């Protein structure tokens, strides 16, 4: 597609959705392990999140999921969080609107420990 000035405005198909590609970043924060997620997570990408959560639980008493960068979460993510919550101390911090909606609709927000900030999730 060209604009009136003749410039090609098409998006490169290899990078058009780069903002929603799943990415996991992990770090220690105080006595907790923080797993920050970015992008869209579904059946095909949840394994990286599961591995990060499990790795954190092996070395820390508390695992915090910083979900502010999540752009999409399907039932696979919800299932992972609910199962992980049974075996470890999990806190979900700053859930992005897509996750917050899923948690609210399913009632999982009453089962999971959801916190407004990472600092709050780590502190208490």
PDB file of N, CA and C in Angstrom:
ATOM      1  N   UNK A   1       0.834  -1.180   0.000  1.00  0.00           N
ATOM      2  CA  UNK A   1       0.000   0.000   0.000  1.00  0.00           C
ATOM      3  C   UNK A   1       0.879   1.244   0.000  1.00  0.00           C
ATOM      4  N   UNK A   2       0.591   2.137  -0.871  1.00  0.00           N
ATOM      5  CA  UNK A   2       1.361   3.377  -0.951  1.00  0.00           C
ATOM      6  C   UNK A   2       0.505   4.539  -0.491  1.00  0.00           C
ATOM      7  N   UNK A   3       1.154   5.506   0.113  1.00  0.00           N
ATOM      8  CA  UNK A   3       0.436   6.699   0.545  1.00  0.00           C
ATOM      9  C   UNK A   3       0.442   7.711  -0.587  1.00  0.00           C
ATOM     10  N   UNK A   4      -0.213   8.838  -0.369  1.00  0.00           N
ATOM     11  CA  UNK A   4      -0.285   9.887  -1.380  1.00  0.00           C
ATOM     12  C   UNK A   4       1.098  10.399  -1.757  1.00  0.00           C
ATOM     13  N   UNK A   5       2.046  10.322  -0.808  1.00  0.00           N
ATOM     14  CA  UNK A   5       3.389  10.800  -1.123  1.00  0.00           C
ATOM     15  C   UNK A   5       4.261   9.727  -1.774  1.00  0.00           C
ATOM     16  N   UNK A   6       3.667   8.559  -2.073  1.00  0.00           N
ATOM     17  CA  UNK A   6       4.378   7.497  -2.756  1.00  0.00           C
ATOM     18  C   UNK A   6       5.161   6.573  -1.845  1.00  0.00           C
ATOM     19  N   UNK A   7       5.119   6.841  -0.548  1.00  0.00           N
ATOM     20  CA  UNK A   7       5.854   6.026   0.401  1.00  0.00           C
ATOM     21  C   UNK A   7       5.113   4.712   0.654  1.00  0.00           C
ATOM     22  N   UNK A   8       5.834   3.616   0.723  1.00  0.00           N
ATOM     23  CA  UNK A   8       5.248   2.303   0.989  1.00  0.00           C
ATOM     24  C   UNK A   8       4.967   2.199   2.484  1.00  0.00           C
ATOM     25  N   UNK A   9       3.689   2.027   2.872  1.00  0.00           N
ATOM     26  CA  UNK A   9       3.287   1.998   4.269  1.00  0.00           C
ATOM     27  C   UNK A   9       2.928   0.592   4.758  1.00  0.00           C
ATOM     28  N   UNK A  10       3.220  -0.428   3.958  1.00  0.00           N
ATOM     29  CA  UNK A  10       2.921  -1.791   4.390  1.00  0.00           C
ATOM     30  C   UNK A  10       3.846  -2.191   5.524  1.00  0.00           C
ATOM     31  N   UNK A  11       3.282  -2.967   6.449  1.00  0.00           N
ATOM     32  CA  UNK A  11       4.097  -3.477   7.539  1.00  0.00           C
ATOM     33  C   UNK A  11       4.825  -4.723   7.070  1.00  0.00           C
ATOM     34  N   UNK A  12       6.040  -4.883   7.528  1.00  0.00           N
ATOM     35  CA  UNK A  12       6.801  -6.088   7.257  1.00  0.00           C
ATOM     36  C   UNK A  12       6.111  -7.238   7.987  1.00  0.00           C
ATOM     37  N   UNK A  13       5.677  -8.282   7.273  1.00  0.00           N
ATOM     38  CA  UNK A  13       4.952  -9.367   7.927  1.00  0.00           C
ATOM     39  C   UNK A  13       5.762 -10.098   8.981  1.00  0.00           C
ATOM     40  N   UNK A  14       7.082 -10.020   8.928  1.00  0.00           N
ATOM     41  CA  UNK A  14       7.900 -10.700   9.930  1.00  0.00           C
ATOM     42  C   UNK A  14       7.972  -9.923  11.238  1.00  0.00           C
ATOM     43  N   UNK A  15       7.593  -8.645  11.216  1.00  0.00           N
ATOM     44  CA  UNK A  15       7.652  -7.845  12.441  1.00  0.00           C
ATOM     45  C   UNK A  15       6.328  -7.187  12.790  1.00  0.00           C
ATOM     46  N   UNK A  16       5.302  -7.393  12.001  1.00  0.00           N
ATOM     47  CA  UNK A  16       4.023  -6.723  12.218  1.00  0.00           C
ATOM     48  C   UNK A  16       3.421  -7.046  13.578  1.00  0.00           C
ATOM     49  N   UNK A  17       3.638  -8.256  14.075  1.00  0.00           N
ATOM     50  CA  UNK A  17       3.068  -8.656  15.358  1.00  0.00           C
ATOM     51  C   UNK A  17       4.146  -8.847  16.420  1.00  0.00           C
ATOM     52  N   UNK A  18       5.295  -8.278  16.220  1.00  0.00           N
ATOM     53  CA  UNK A  18       6.409  -8.467  17.147  1.00  0.00           C
ATOM     54  C   UNK A  18       6.066  -8.012  18.556  1.00  0.00           C
ATOM     55  N   UNK A  19       5.198  -7.019  18.687  1.00  0.00           N
ATOM     56  CA  UNK A  19       4.819  -6.542  20.007  1.00  0.00           C
ATOM     57  C   UNK A  19       4.024  -7.551  20.799  1.00  0.00           C
ATOM     58  N   UNK A  20       3.434  -8.538  20.136  1.00  0.00           N
ATOM     59  CA  UNK A  20       2.656  -9.505  20.871  1.00  0.00           C
ATOM     60  C   UNK A  20       3.328 -10.872  20.946  1.00  0.00           C
ATOM     61  N   UNK A  21       4.548 -10.989  20.436  1.00  0.00           N
ATOM     62  CA  UNK A  21       5.271 -12.245  20.590  1.00  0.00           C
ATOM     63  C   UNK A  21       5.561 -12.458  22.070  1.00  0.00           C
ATOM     64  N   UNK A  22       5.376 -13.687  22.547  1.00  0.00           N
ATOM     65  CA  UNK A  22       5.570 -13.932  23.975  1.00  0.00           C
ATOM     66  C   UNK A  22       7.029 -13.826  24.401  1.00  0.00           C
ATOM     67  N   UNK A  23       7.226 -13.210  25.549  1.00  0.00           N
ATOM     68  CA  UNK A  23       8.567 -13.057  26.112  1.00  0.00           C
ATOM     69  C   UNK A  23       8.466 -13.146  27.620  1.00  0.00           C
ATOM     70  N   UNK A  24       9.418 -13.808  28.227  1.00  0.00           N
ATOM     71  CA  UNK A  24       9.466 -13.973  29.677  1.00  0.00           C
ATOM     72  C   UNK A  24      10.790 -13.427  30.175  1.00  0.00           C
ATOM     73  N   UNK A  25      10.734 -12.578  31.201  1.00  0.00           N
ATOM     74  CA  UNK A  25      11.929 -12.030  31.831  1.00  0.00           C
ATOM     75  C   UNK A  25      11.842 -12.375  33.317  1.00  0.00           C
ATOM     76  N   UNK A  26      12.930 -12.875  33.872  1.00  0.00           N
ATOM     77  CA  UNK A  26      12.925 -13.318  35.267  1.00  0.00           C
ATOM     78  C   UNK A  26      14.031 -12.631  36.059  1.00  0.00           C
ATOM     79  N   UNK A  27      13.757 -12.392  37.345  1.00  0.00           N
ATOM     80  CA  UNK A  27      14.792 -11.846  38.217  1.00  0.00           C
ATOM     81  C   UNK A  27      14.394 -12.037  39.675  1.00  0.00           C
ATOM     82  N   UNK A  28      15.387 -11.940  40.514  1.00  0.00           N
ATOM     83  CA  UNK A  28      15.143 -11.990  41.947  1.00  0.00           C
ATOM     84  C   UNK A  28      14.792 -10.584  42.424  1.00  0.00           C
ATOM     85  N   UNK A  29      13.815 -10.505  43.306  1.00  0.00           N
ATOM     86  CA  UNK A  29      13.408  -9.208  43.866  1.00  0.00           C
ATOM     87  C   UNK A  29      13.148  -9.455  45.345  1.00  0.00           C
ATOM     88  N   UNK A  30      14.096  -9.036  46.184  1.00  0.00           N
ATOM     89  CA  UNK A  30      13.980  -9.342  47.606  1.00  0.00           C
ATOM     90  C   UNK A  30      14.049 -10.844  47.798  1.00  0.00           C
ATOM     91  N   UNK A  31      13.084 -11.383  48.529  1.00  0.00           N
ATOM     92  CA  UNK A  31      13.067 -12.832  48.749  1.00  0.00           C
ATOM     93  C   UNK A  31      12.137 -13.554  47.776  1.00  0.00           C
ATOM     94  N   UNK A  32      11.723 -12.885  46.725  1.00  0.00           N
ATOM     95  CA  UNK A  32      10.797 -13.477  45.749  1.00  0.00           C
ATOM     96  C   UNK A  32      11.460 -13.590  44.375  1.00  0.00           C
ATOM     97  N   UNK A  33      10.914 -14.474  43.578  1.00  0.00           N
ATOM     98  CA  UNK A  33      11.309 -14.610  42.182  1.00  0.00           C
ATOM     99  C   UNK A  33      10.219 -13.967  41.344  1.00  0.00           C
ATOM    100  N   UNK A  34      10.579 -12.989  40.518  1.00  0.00           N
ATOM    101  CA  UNK A  34       9.609 -12.274  39.700  1.00  0.00           C
ATOM    102  C   UNK A  34       9.728 -12.750  38.254  1.00  0.00           C
ATOM    103  N   UNK A  35       8.589 -13.128  37.695  1.00  0.00           N
ATOM    104  CA  UNK A  35       8.507 -13.539  36.296  1.00  0.00           C
ATOM    105  C   UNK A  35       7.627 -12.505  35.602  1.00  0.00           C
ATOM    106  N   UNK A  36       8.220 -11.729  34.708  1.00  0.00           N
ATOM    107  CA  UNK A  36       7.472 -10.713  33.969  1.00  0.00           C
ATOM    108  C   UNK A  36       7.177 -11.254  32.570  1.00  0.00           C
ATOM    109  N   UNK A  37       5.928 -11.124  32.163  1.00  0.00           N
ATOM    110  CA  UNK A  37       5.535 -11.617  30.843  1.00  0.00           C
ATOM    111  C   UNK A  37       5.144 -10.455  29.943  1.00  0.00           C
ATOM    112  N   UNK A  38       5.453 -10.630  28.659  1.00  0.00           N
ATOM    113  CA  UNK A  38       5.149  -9.623  27.652  1.00  0.00           C
ATOM    114  C   UNK A  38       4.605 -10.335  26.425  1.00  0.00           C
ATOM    115  N   UNK A  39       3.530  -9.803  25.874  1.00  0.00           N
ATOM    116  CA  UNK A  39       2.977 -10.372  24.656  1.00  0.00           C
ATOM    117  C   UNK A  39       1.822 -11.322  24.910  1.00  0.00           C
ATOM    118  N   UNK A  40       1.554 -12.154  23.912  1.00  0.00           N
ATOM    119  CA  UNK A  40       0.413 -13.063  23.920  1.00  0.00           C
ATOM    120  C   UNK A  40       0.849 -14.473  24.295  1.00  0.00           C
ATOM    121  N   UNK A  41       0.140 -15.067  25.250  1.00  0.00           N
ATOM    122  CA  UNK A  41       0.448 -16.431  25.683  1.00  0.00           C
ATOM    123  C   UNK A  41      -0.764 -17.317  25.448  1.00  0.00           C
ATOM    124  N   UNK A  42      -0.494 -18.469  24.823  1.00  0.00           N
ATOM    125  CA  UNK A  42      -1.545 -19.445  24.547  1.00  0.00           C
ATOM    126  C   UNK A  42      -0.933 -20.842  24.616  1.00  0.00           C
ATOM    127  N   UNK A  43      -1.644 -21.821  24.109  1.00  0.00           N
ATOM    128  CA  UNK A  43      -1.192 -23.208  24.148  1.00  0.00           C
ATOM    129  C   UNK A  43       0.211 -23.370  23.583  1.00  0.00           C
ATOM    130  N   UNK A  44       0.555 -22.626  22.557  1.00  0.00           N
ATOM    131  CA  UNK A  44       1.847 -22.772  21.899  1.00  0.00           C
ATOM    132  C   UNK A  44       2.994 -22.070  22.610  1.00  0.00           C
ATOM    133  N   UNK A  45       2.710 -21.202  23.549  1.00  0.00           N
ATOM    134  CA  UNK A  45       3.787 -20.418  24.167  1.00  0.00           C
ATOM    135  C   UNK A  45       3.815 -20.494  25.692  1.00  0.00           C
ATOM    136  N   UNK A  46       2.879 -21.196  26.282  1.00  0.00           N
ATOM    137  CA  UNK A  46       2.788 -21.227  27.740  1.00  0.00           C
ATOM    138  C   UNK A  46       3.928 -22.023  28.381  1.00  0.00           C
ATOM    139  N   UNK A  47       4.571 -22.894  27.631  1.00  0.00           N
ATOM    140  CA  UNK A  47       5.639 -23.713  28.215  1.00  0.00           C
ATOM    141  C   UNK A  47       6.786 -22.852  28.762  1.00  0.00           C
ATOM    142  N   UNK A  48       7.109 -21.753  28.108  1.00  0.00           N
ATOM    143  CA  UNK A  48       8.163 -20.872  28.605  1.00  0.00           C
ATOM    144  C   UNK A  48       7.766 -20.244  29.931  1.00  0.00           C
ATOM    145  N   UNK A  49       6.506 -19.877  30.064  1.00  0.00           N
ATOM    146  CA  UNK A  49       6.003 -19.324  31.319  1.00  0.00           C
ATOM    147  C   UNK A  49       6.029 -20.386  32.410  1.00  0.00           C
ATOM    148  N   UNK A  50       5.587 -21.585  32.088  1.00  0.00           N
ATOM    149  CA  UNK A  50       5.591 -22.683  33.066  1.00  0.00           C
ATOM    150  C   UNK A  50       7.005 -22.961  33.562  1.00  0.00           C
ATOM    151  N   UNK A  51       7.962 -23.006  32.650  1.00  0.00           N
ATOM    152  CA  UNK A  51       9.356 -23.261  33.029  1.00  0.00           C
ATOM    153  C   UNK A  51       9.890 -22.178  33.951  1.00  0.00           C
ATOM    154  N   UNK A  52       9.555 -20.926  33.671  1.00  0.00           N
ATOM    155  CA  UNK A  52      10.021 -19.807  34.503  1.00  0.00           C
ATOM    156  C   UNK A  52       9.415 -19.871  35.902  1.00  0.00           C
ATOM    157  N   UNK A  53       8.129 -20.158  35.986  1.00  0.00           N
ATOM    158  CA  UNK A  53       7.466 -20.264  37.294  1.00  0.00           C
ATOM    159  C   UNK A  53       8.068 -21.412  38.106  1.00  0.00           C
ATOM    160  N   UNK A  54       8.243 -22.551  37.467  1.00  0.00           N
ATOM    161  CA  UNK A  54       8.795 -23.720  38.156  1.00  0.00           C
ATOM    162  C   UNK A  54      10.226 -23.485  38.612  1.00  0.00           C
ATOM    163  N   UNK A  55      11.023 -22.834  37.778  1.00  0.00           N
ATOM    164  CA  UNK A  55      12.403 -22.518  38.159  1.00  0.00           C
ATOM    165  C   UNK A  55      12.435 -21.605  39.380  1.00  0.00           C
ATOM    166  N   UNK A  56      11.551 -20.633  39.401  1.00  0.00           N
ATOM    167  CA  UNK A  56      11.481 -19.731  40.545  1.00  0.00           C
ATOM    168  C   UNK A  56      11.069 -20.435  41.814  1.00  0.00           C
ATOM    169  N   UNK A  57      10.130 -21.354  41.704  1.00  0.00           N
ATOM    170  CA  UNK A  57       9.636 -22.082  42.886  1.00  0.00           C
ATOM    171  C   UNK A  57      10.700 -23.010  43.470  1.00  0.00           C
ATOM    172  N   UNK A  58      11.620 -23.461  42.646  1.00  0.00           N
ATOM    173  CA  UNK A  58      12.688 -24.339  43.147  1.00  0.00           C
ATOM    174  C   UNK A  58      13.672 -23.599  44.049  1.00  0.00           C
ATOM    175  N   UNK A  59      13.793 -22.284  43.864  1.00  0.00           N
ATOM    176  CA  UNK A  59      14.809 -21.537  44.611  1.00  0.00           C
ATOM    177  C   UNK A  59      14.251 -20.460  45.537  1.00  0.00           C
ATOM    178  N   UNK A  60      12.951 -20.185  45.432  1.00  0.00           N
ATOM    179  CA  UNK A  60      12.351 -19.120  46.238  1.00  0.00           C
ATOM    180  C   UNK A  60      11.022 -19.582  46.825  1.00  0.00           C
ATOM    181  N   UNK A  61      10.701 -19.046  47.981  1.00  0.00           N
ATOM    182  CA  UNK A  61       9.430 -19.394  48.633  1.00  0.00           C
ATOM    183  C   UNK A  61       8.235 -18.717  47.980  1.00  0.00           C
ATOM    184  N   UNK A  62       8.490 -17.621  47.279  1.00  0.00           N
ATOM    185  CA  UNK A  62       7.405 -16.838  46.689  1.00  0.00           C
ATOM    186  C   UNK A  62       7.736 -16.525  45.240  1.00  0.00           C
ATOM    187  N   UNK A  63       6.747 -16.735  44.354  1.00  0.00           N
ATOM    188  CA  UNK A  63       6.902 -16.416  42.941  1.00  0.00           C
ATOM    189  C   UNK A  63       5.851 -15.380  42.579  1.00  0.00           C
ATOM    190  N   UNK A  64       6.292 -14.304  41.948  1.00  0.00           N
ATOM    191  CA  UNK A  64       5.400 -13.215  41.547  1.00  0.00           C
ATOM    192  C   UNK A  64       5.341 -13.178  40.027  1.00  0.00           C
ATOM    193  N   UNK A  65       4.141 -13.232  39.487  1.00  0.00           N
ATOM    194  CA  UNK A  65       3.944 -13.065  38.054  1.00  0.00           C
ATOM    195  C   UNK A  65       3.580 -11.603  37.810  1.00  0.00           C
ATOM    196  N   UNK A  66       4.481 -10.874  37.162  1.00  0.00           N
ATOM    197  CA  UNK A  66       4.198  -9.491  36.773  1.00  0.00           C
ATOM    198  C   UNK A  66       3.525  -9.563  35.408  1.00  0.00           C
ATOM    199  N   UNK A  67       2.208  -9.388  35.398  1.00  0.00           N
ATOM    200  CA  UNK A  67       1.412  -9.594  34.189  1.00  0.00           C
ATOM    201  C   UNK A  67       1.018  -8.297  33.489  1.00  0.00           C
ATOM    202  N   UNK A  68       1.702  -7.209  33.781  1.00  0.00           N
ATOM    203  CA  UNK A  68       1.348  -5.921  33.173  1.00  0.00           C
ATOM    204  C   UNK A  68       1.562  -5.909  31.663  1.00  0.00           C
ATOM    205  N   UNK A  69       2.500  -6.700  31.162  1.00  0.00           N
ATOM    206  CA  UNK A  69       2.807  -6.691  29.742  1.00  0.00           C
ATOM    207  C   UNK A  69       2.080  -7.742  28.930  1.00  0.00           C
ATOM    208  N   UNK A  70       1.169  -8.428  29.547  1.00  0.00           N
ATOM    209  CA  UNK A  70       0.423  -9.495  28.869  1.00  0.00           C
ATOM    210  C   UNK A  70      -0.625  -8.894  27.939  1.00  0.00           C
ATOM    211  N   UNK A  71      -0.606  -9.302  26.672  1.00  0.00           N
ATOM    212  CA  UNK A  71      -1.577  -8.778  25.714  1.00  0.00           C
ATOM    213  C   UNK A  71      -2.701  -9.760  25.413  1.00  0.00           C
ATOM    214  N   UNK A  72      -2.487 -11.037  25.716  1.00  0.00           N
ATOM    215  CA  UNK A  72      -3.510 -12.054  25.490  1.00  0.00           C
ATOM    216  C   UNK A  72      -3.196 -13.253  26.375  1.00  0.00           C
ATOM    217  N   UNK A  73      -4.229 -13.833  26.956  1.00  0.00           N
ATOM    218  CA  UNK A  73      -4.077 -15.053  27.752  1.00  0.00           C
ATOM    219  C   UNK A  73      -5.292 -15.944  27.502  1.00  0.00           C
ATOM    220  N   UNK A  74      -5.037 -17.184  27.121  1.00  0.00           N
ATOM    221  CA  UNK A  74      -6.153 -18.097  26.908  1.00  0.00           C
ATOM    222  C   UNK A  74      -6.317 -19.014  28.121  1.00  0.00           C
ATOM    223  N   UNK A  75      -7.173 -20.008  27.994  1.00  0.00           N
ATOM    224  CA  UNK A  75      -7.456 -20.904  29.112  1.00  0.00           C
ATOM    225  C   UNK A  75      -6.236 -21.715  29.523  1.00  0.00           C
ATOM    226  N   UNK A  76      -5.274 -21.886  28.631  1.00  0.00           N
ATOM    227  CA  UNK A  76      -4.051 -22.605  28.973  1.00  0.00           C
ATOM    228  C   UNK A  76      -3.287 -21.848  30.060  1.00  0.00           C
ATOM    229  N   UNK A  77      -3.229 -20.542  29.938  1.00  0.00           N
ATOM    230  CA  UNK A  77      -2.549 -19.708  30.931  1.00  0.00           C
ATOM    231  C   UNK A  77      -3.299 -19.771  32.259  1.00  0.00           C
ATOM    232  N   UNK A  78      -4.598 -19.648  32.203  1.00  0.00           N
ATOM    233  CA  UNK A  78      -5.401 -19.722  33.423  1.00  0.00           C
ATOM    234  C   UNK A  78      -5.187 -21.063  34.116  1.00  0.00           C
ATOM    235  N   UNK A  79      -5.237 -22.146  33.369  1.00  0.00           N
ATOM    236  CA  UNK A  79      -5.031 -23.479  33.917  1.00  0.00           C
ATOM    237  C   UNK A  79      -3.647 -23.598  34.558  1.00  0.00           C
ATOM    238  N   UNK A  80      -2.626 -23.087  33.880  1.00  0.00           N
ATOM    239  CA  UNK A  80      -1.267 -23.108  34.414  1.00  0.00           C
ATOM    240  C   UNK A  80      -1.201 -22.380  35.754  1.00  0.00           C
ATOM    241  N   UNK A  81      -1.764 -21.181  35.823  1.00  0.00           N
ATOM    242  CA  UNK A  81      -1.709 -20.394  37.055  1.00  0.00           C
ATOM    243  C   UNK A  81      -2.440 -21.088  38.201  1.00  0.00           C
ATOM    244  N   UNK A  82      -3.598 -21.642  37.917  1.00  0.00           N
ATOM    245  CA  UNK A  82      -4.370 -22.321  38.967  1.00  0.00           C
ATOM    246  C   UNK A  82      -3.653 -23.568  39.477  1.00  0.00           C
ATOM    247  N   UNK A  83      -3.074 -24.338  38.580  1.00  0.00           N
ATOM    248  CA  UNK A  83      -2.329 -25.530  39.002  1.00  0.00           C
ATOM    249  C   UNK A  83      -1.052 -25.160  39.746  1.00  0.00           C
ATOM    250  N   UNK A  84      -0.335 -24.170  39.250  1.00  0.00           N
ATOM    251  CA  UNK A  84       0.897 -23.745  39.909  1.00  0.00           C
ATOM    252  C   UNK A  84       0.607 -23.211  41.301  1.00  0.00           C
ATOM    253  N   UNK A  85      -0.502 -22.522  41.449  1.00  0.00           N
ATOM    254  CA  UNK A  85      -0.895 -21.945  42.737  1.00  0.00           C
ATOM    255  C   UNK A  85      -1.114 -23.020  43.800  1.00  0.00           C
ATOM    256  N   UNK A  86      -1.440 -24.222  43.377  1.00  0.00           N
ATOM    257  CA  UNK A  86      -1.646 -25.335  44.331  1.00  0.00           C
ATOM    258  C   UNK A  86      -0.339 -25.854  44.909  1.00  0.00           C
ATOM    259  N   UNK A  87       0.756 -25.666  44.193  1.00  0.00           N
ATOM    260  CA  UNK A  87       2.031 -26.250  44.616  1.00  0.00           C
ATOM    261  C   UNK A  87       3.048 -25.230  45.105  1.00  0.00           C
ATOM    262  N   UNK A  88       2.788 -23.954  44.914  1.00  0.00           N
ATOM    263  CA  UNK A  88       3.741 -22.914  45.303  1.00  0.00           C
ATOM    264  C   UNK A  88       2.991 -21.648  45.696  1.00  0.00           C
ATOM    265  N   UNK A  89       3.720 -20.744  46.330  1.00  0.00           N
ATOM    266  CA  UNK A  89       3.137 -19.440  46.657  1.00  0.00           C
ATOM    267  C   UNK A  89       3.256 -18.571  45.411  1.00  0.00           C
ATOM    268  N   UNK A  90       2.117 -18.288  44.794  1.00  0.00           N
ATOM    269  CA  UNK A  90       2.070 -17.484  43.582  1.00  0.00           C
ATOM    270  C   UNK A  90       1.285 -16.218  43.852  1.00  0.00           C
ATOM    271  N   UNK A  91       1.836 -15.121  43.417  1.00  0.00           N
ATOM    272  CA  UNK A  91       1.122 -13.850  43.455  1.00  0.00           C
ATOM    273  C   UNK A  91       1.106 -13.273  42.055  1.00  0.00           C
ATOM    274  N   UNK A  92      -0.036 -12.813  41.631  1.00  0.00           N
ATOM    275  CA  UNK A  92      -0.185 -12.209  40.314  1.00  0.00           C
ATOM    276  C   UNK A  92      -0.226 -10.701  40.516  1.00  0.00           C
ATOM    277  N   UNK A  93       0.752 -10.007  39.956  1.00  0.00           N
ATOM    278  CA  UNK A  93       0.846  -8.559  40.133  1.00  0.00           C
ATOM    279  C   UNK A  93       0.499  -7.841  38.837  1.00  0.00           C
ATOM    280  N   UNK A  94      -0.199  -6.741  38.981  1.00  0.00           N
ATOM    281  CA  UNK A  94      -0.518  -5.831  37.877  1.00  0.00           C
ATOM    282  C   UNK A  94      -1.110  -6.544  36.662  1.00  0.00           C
ATOM    283  N   UNK A  95      -2.149  -7.348  36.854  1.00  0.00           N
ATOM    284  CA  UNK A  95      -2.674  -8.049  35.675  1.00  0.00           C
ATOM    285  C   UNK A  95      -3.192  -7.070  34.623  1.00  0.00           C
ATOM    286  N   UNK A  96      -2.712  -7.249  33.404  1.00  0.00           N
ATOM    287  CA  UNK A  96      -3.167  -6.435  32.278  1.00  0.00           C
ATOM    288  C   UNK A  96      -4.645  -6.729  32.037  1.00  0.00           C
ATOM    289  N   UNK A  97      -5.371  -5.809  31.412  1.00  0.00           N
ATOM    290  CA  UNK A  97      -6.812  -6.002  31.204  1.00  0.00           C
ATOM    291  C   UNK A  97      -7.227  -7.359  30.623  1.00  0.00           C
ATOM    292  N   UNK A  98      -6.503  -7.923  29.639  1.00  0.00           N
ATOM    293  CA  UNK A  98      -6.942  -9.237  29.139  1.00  0.00           C
ATOM    294  C   UNK A  98      -6.925 -10.323  30.216  1.00  0.00           C
ATOM    295  N   UNK A  99      -5.892 -10.332  31.045  1.00  0.00           N
ATOM    296  CA  UNK A  99      -5.825 -11.331  32.110  1.00  0.00           C
ATOM    297  C   UNK A  99      -6.802 -11.002  33.226  1.00  0.00           C
ATOM    298  N   UNK A 100      -6.893  -9.746  33.600  1.00  0.00           N
ATOM    299  CA  UNK A 100      -7.825  -9.351  34.655  1.00  0.00           C
ATOM    300  C   UNK A 100      -9.252  -9.772  34.305  1.00  0.00           C
ATOM    301  N   UNK A 101      -9.613  -9.621  33.049  1.00  0.00           N
ATOM    302  CA  UNK A 101     -10.954  -9.999  32.585  1.00  0.00           C
ATOM    303  C   UNK A 101     -11.174 -11.506  32.705  1.00  0.00           C
ATOM    304  N   UNK A 102     -10.198 -12.292  32.276  1.00  0.00           N
ATOM    305  CA  UNK A 102     -10.299 -13.755  32.379  1.00  0.00           C
ATOM    306  C   UNK A 102     -10.400 -14.170  33.841  1.00  0.00           C
ATOM    307  N   UNK A 103      -9.583 -13.573  34.691  1.00  0.00           N
ATOM    308  CA  UNK A 103      -9.618 -13.915  36.114  1.00  0.00           C
ATOM    309  C   UNK A 103     -10.974 -13.581  36.725  1.00  0.00           C
ATOM    310  N   UNK A 104     -11.515 -12.428  36.365  1.00  0.00           N
ATOM    311  CA  UNK A 104     -12.809 -12.001  36.900  1.00  0.00           C
ATOM    312  C   UNK A 104     -13.950 -12.885  36.390  1.00  0.00           C
ATOM    313  N   UNK A 105     -13.981 -13.146  35.101  1.00  0.00           N
ATOM    314  CA  UNK A 105     -15.071 -13.940  34.512  1.00  0.00           C
ATOM    315  C   UNK A 105     -15.115 -15.363  35.050  1.00  0.00           C
ATOM    316  N   UNK A 106     -13.941 -15.916  35.333  1.00  0.00           N
ATOM    317  CA  UNK A 106     -13.885 -17.304  35.795  1.00  0.00           C
ATOM    318  C   UNK A 106     -13.920 -17.438  37.317  1.00  0.00           C
ATOM    319  N   UNK A 107     -13.790 -16.321  38.012  1.00  0.00           N
ATOM    320  CA  UNK A 107     -13.744 -16.373  39.469  1.00  0.00           C
ATOM    321  C   UNK A 107     -12.360 -16.708  39.999  1.00  0.00           C
ATOM    322  N   UNK A 108     -11.392 -16.835  39.100  1.00  0.00           N
ATOM    323  CA  UNK A 108     -10.030 -17.166  39.523  1.00  0.00           C
ATOM    324  C   UNK A 108      -9.407 -16.052  40.356  1.00  0.00           C
ATOM    325  N   UNK A 109      -9.927 -14.840  40.227  1.00  0.00           N
ATOM    326  CA  UNK A 109      -9.411 -13.733  41.044  1.00  0.00           C
ATOM    327  C   UNK A 109      -9.734 -13.921  42.520  1.00  0.00           C
ATOM    328  N   UNK A 110     -10.642 -14.832  42.846  1.00  0.00           N
ATOM    329  CA  UNK A 110     -10.940 -15.133  44.250  1.00  0.00           C
ATOM    330  C   UNK A 110     -10.070 -16.279  44.767  1.00  0.00           C
ATOM    331  N   UNK A 111      -9.423 -16.985  43.856  1.00  0.00           N
ATOM    332  CA  UNK A 111      -8.555 -18.107  44.220  1.00  0.00           C
ATOM    333  C   UNK A 111      -7.091 -17.683  44.223  1.00  0.00           C
ATOM    334  N   UNK A 112      -6.703 -16.937  43.212  1.00  0.00           N
ATOM    335  CA  UNK A 112      -5.325 -16.462  43.099  1.00  0.00           C
ATOM    336  C   UNK A 112      -5.126 -15.204  43.933  1.00  0.00           C
ATOM    337  N   UNK A 113      -3.911 -15.011  44.389  1.00  0.00           N
ATOM    338  CA  UNK A 113      -3.550 -13.827  45.164  1.00  0.00           C
ATOM    339  C   UNK A 113      -3.135 -12.732  44.181  1.00  0.00           C
ATOM    340  N   UNK A 114      -4.058 -11.833  43.868  1.00  0.00           N
ATOM    341  CA  UNK A 114      -3.825 -10.777  42.884  1.00  0.00           C
ATOM    342  C   UNK A 114      -3.473  -9.487  43.617  1.00  0.00           C
ATOM    343  N   UNK A 115      -2.363  -8.871  43.219  1.00  0.00           N
ATOM    344  CA  UNK A 115      -1.874  -7.653  43.868  1.00  0.00           C
ATOM    345  C   UNK A 115      -1.764  -6.519  42.855  1.00  0.00           C
ATOM    346  N   UNK A 116      -1.930  -5.270  43.308  1.00  0.00           N
ATOM    347  CA  UNK A 116      -1.888  -4.134  42.377  1.00  0.00           C
ATOM    348  C   UNK A 116      -0.496  -3.780  41.864  1.00  0.00           C
ATOM    349  N   UNK A 117       0.548  -4.128  42.624  1.00  0.00           N
ATOM    350  CA  UNK A 117       1.913  -3.794  42.216  1.00  0.00           C
ATOM    351  C   UNK A 117       2.852  -4.962  42.508  1.00  0.00           C
ATOM    352  N   UNK A 118       3.984  -4.955  41.838  1.00  0.00           N
ATOM    353  CA  UNK A 118       5.010  -5.968  42.102  1.00  0.00           C
ATOM    354  C   UNK A 118       5.544  -5.775  43.512  1.00  0.00           C
ATOM    355  N   UNK A 119       5.742  -4.525  43.913  1.00  0.00           N
ATOM    356  CA  UNK A 119       6.270  -4.254  45.249  1.00  0.00           C
ATOM    357  C   UNK A 119       5.362  -4.808  46.330  1.00  0.00           C
ATOM    358  N   UNK A 120       4.059  -4.646  46.153  1.00  0.00           N
ATOM    359  CA  UNK A 120       3.097  -5.185  47.109  1.00  0.00           C
ATOM    360  C   UNK A 120       3.140  -6.710  47.117  1.00  0.00           C
ATOM    361  N   UNK A 121       3.252  -7.314  45.948  1.00  0.00           N
ATOM    362  CA  UNK A 121       3.298  -8.774  45.850  1.00  0.00           C
ATOM    363  C   UNK A 121       4.553  -9.343  46.501  1.00  0.00           C
ATOM    364  N   UNK A 122       5.635  -8.644  46.393  1.00  0.00           N
ATOM    365  CA  UNK A 122       6.904  -9.097  46.978  1.00  0.00           C
ATOM    366  C   UNK A 122       6.909  -8.879  48.491  1.00  0.00           C
ATOM    367  N   UNK A 123       6.354  -7.769  48.934  1.00  0.00           N
ATOM    368  CA  UNK A 123       6.466  -7.359  50.328  1.00  0.00           C
ATOM    369  C   UNK A 123       5.675  -8.209  51.318  1.00  0.00           C
ATOM    370  N   UNK A 124       4.480  -8.564  50.943  1.00  0.00           N
ATOM    371  CA  UNK A 124       3.629  -9.235  51.936  1.00  0.00           C
ATOM    372  C   UNK A 124       3.441 -10.690  51.659  1.00  0.00           C
TER     373      UNK A 124
END
